[in-house]
Amino acid sequence: DNSSQACVGKLTLVDLPSSERIKETGVKGERRQEAIQNNKDLFTLGKVVLSLSEKSKHRFHWTQKHVPFRDSKLTRLLRDSLGGNCCTLLLACVSPADIHAADSLKTL
């Protein structure tokens, strides 16, 4: 039998925006709207990850839980990388410097 099988994969690399404290940075105009949208997308990504982790905890008890993939462009783009039969790796950039402690803790 000379049948061959192919293994197909998908690699998605995403540089996520950092959440921005609008009051502290004082951004205005178009940059402010971009910061607001980035914060919404990151919040939605957190909800998606939480929903998926809750679903995996109850894998032996079938419960249909809504995963809000369609709530943001970011989560729609990452849907294949987060749900289903996939392996996901997340890298976080943190700093040991005291001045960046709050941001590093927030990242983790």
Protein backbone atom coordinates (compact mmCIF):
# COMPACT_ATOMS: atom_id res chain seq x y z
CA ASP A 1 0.00 0.00 0.00
CA ASN A 2 1.65 3.25 -1.19
CA SER A 3 -0.83 5.65 0.35
CA SER A 4 0.78 8.61 2.06
CA GLN A 5 -0.56 10.73 4.82
CA ALA A 6 0.19 14.38 5.37
CA CYS A 7 0.31 16.10 8.71
CA VAL A 8 -0.96 19.67 8.52
CA GLY A 9 -0.49 22.31 11.17
CA LYS A 10 -1.07 25.98 11.71
CA LEU A 11 1.24 28.39 13.48
CA THR A 12 -0.19 31.71 14.65
CA LEU A 13 2.10 34.34 16.15
CA VAL A 14 0.38 37.28 17.84
CA ASP A 15 1.91 40.24 19.64
CA LEU A 16 -0.86 41.21 22.04
CA PRO A 17 -1.18 44.86 23.00
CA SER A 18 -0.58 45.75 26.60
CA SER A 19 -3.50 47.07 28.56
CA GLU A 20 -3.30 50.80 28.97
CA ARG A 21 -4.35 52.91 31.90
CA ILE A 22 -5.93 55.78 30.02
CA LYS A 23 -6.23 58.09 33.02
CA GLU A 24 -2.55 57.67 33.93
CA THR A 25 -1.16 58.06 30.40
CA GLY A 26 -3.47 60.90 29.38
CA VAL A 27 -3.83 59.70 25.79
CA LYS A 28 -6.34 61.57 23.63
CA GLY A 29 -8.09 61.31 20.30
CA GLU A 30 -7.46 58.39 17.99
CA ARG A 31 -4.81 56.90 20.28
CA ARG A 32 -7.35 56.92 23.15
CA GLN A 33 -9.92 55.04 21.03
CA GLU A 34 -7.26 52.50 20.06
CA ALA A 35 -6.35 52.01 23.74
CA ILE A 36 -10.01 51.53 24.66
CA GLN A 37 -10.45 48.90 21.92
CA ASN A 38 -7.24 47.10 22.97
CA ASN A 39 -8.48 46.96 26.56
CA LYS A 40 -11.85 45.57 25.41
CA ASP A 41 -10.13 42.93 23.27
CA LEU A 42 -7.88 41.85 26.14
CA PHE A 43 -10.88 41.68 28.49
CA THR A 44 -12.74 39.51 25.97
CA LEU A 45 -9.68 37.28 25.55
CA GLY A 46 -9.67 36.80 29.33
CA LYS A 47 -13.36 35.82 29.24
CA VAL A 48 -12.68 33.31 26.45
CA VAL A 49 -9.77 31.71 28.31
CA LEU A 50 -11.87 31.55 31.50
CA SER A 51 -14.78 29.95 29.63
CA LEU A 52 -12.50 27.38 28.03
CA SER A 53 -10.84 26.53 31.34
CA GLU A 54 -14.23 26.11 33.01
CA LYS A 55 -15.31 23.85 30.16
CA SER A 56 -12.20 21.68 30.53
CA LYS A 57 -12.78 21.30 34.29
CA HIS A 58 -16.17 19.75 33.57
CA ARG A 59 -15.20 17.55 30.64
CA PHE A 60 -16.68 14.44 32.28
CA HIS A 61 -19.98 16.22 32.89
CA TRP A 62 -21.40 17.50 29.61
CA THR A 63 -22.38 21.11 30.11
CA GLN A 64 -22.68 23.50 27.21
CA LYS A 65 -20.95 26.75 28.15
CA HIS A 66 -20.92 29.76 25.86
CA VAL A 67 -17.43 30.81 24.78
CA PRO A 68 -17.55 34.46 23.59
CA PHE A 69 -15.23 34.11 20.57
CA ARG A 70 -17.35 36.52 18.49
CA ASP A 71 -17.21 39.36 21.02
CA SER A 72 -14.00 40.84 19.57
CA LYS A 73 -11.89 40.74 16.41
CA LEU A 74 -8.93 39.43 18.40
CA THR A 75 -10.76 36.39 19.76
CA ARG A 76 -12.31 35.68 16.35
CA LEU A 77 -8.82 35.59 14.85
CA LEU A 78 -7.49 33.38 17.66
CA ARG A 79 -10.46 30.98 17.72
CA ASP A 80 -8.58 28.14 15.96
CA SER A 81 -5.61 28.60 18.28
CA LEU A 82 -7.65 28.59 21.49
CA GLY A 83 -10.51 26.13 21.03
CA GLY A 84 -10.79 22.64 19.66
CA ASN A 85 -7.93 20.23 19.20
CA CYS A 86 -4.93 22.52 19.56
CA CYS A 87 -1.87 23.21 21.65
CA THR A 88 -1.38 26.80 22.74
CA LEU A 89 1.73 28.39 24.17
CA LEU A 90 1.72 31.83 25.77
CA LEU A 91 4.89 33.82 26.37
CA ALA A 92 4.78 36.70 28.82
CA CYS A 93 7.39 39.42 29.05
CA VAL A 94 7.94 40.39 32.67
CA SER A 95 10.63 42.41 34.41
CA PRO A 96 12.34 41.85 37.76
CA ALA A 97 12.75 45.62 38.23
CA ASP A 98 10.77 47.13 41.11
CA ILE A 99 9.52 49.93 38.88
CA HIS A 100 7.78 47.35 36.63
CA ALA A 101 6.48 45.09 39.40
CA ALA A 102 2.82 46.12 39.03
CA ASP A 103 2.84 45.64 35.25
CA SER A 104 4.64 42.28 35.53
CA LEU A 105 2.15 41.04 38.11
CA LYS A 106 -0.74 42.22 35.94
CA THR A 107 0.74 40.33 32.97
CA LEU A 108 0.94 37.11 34.94
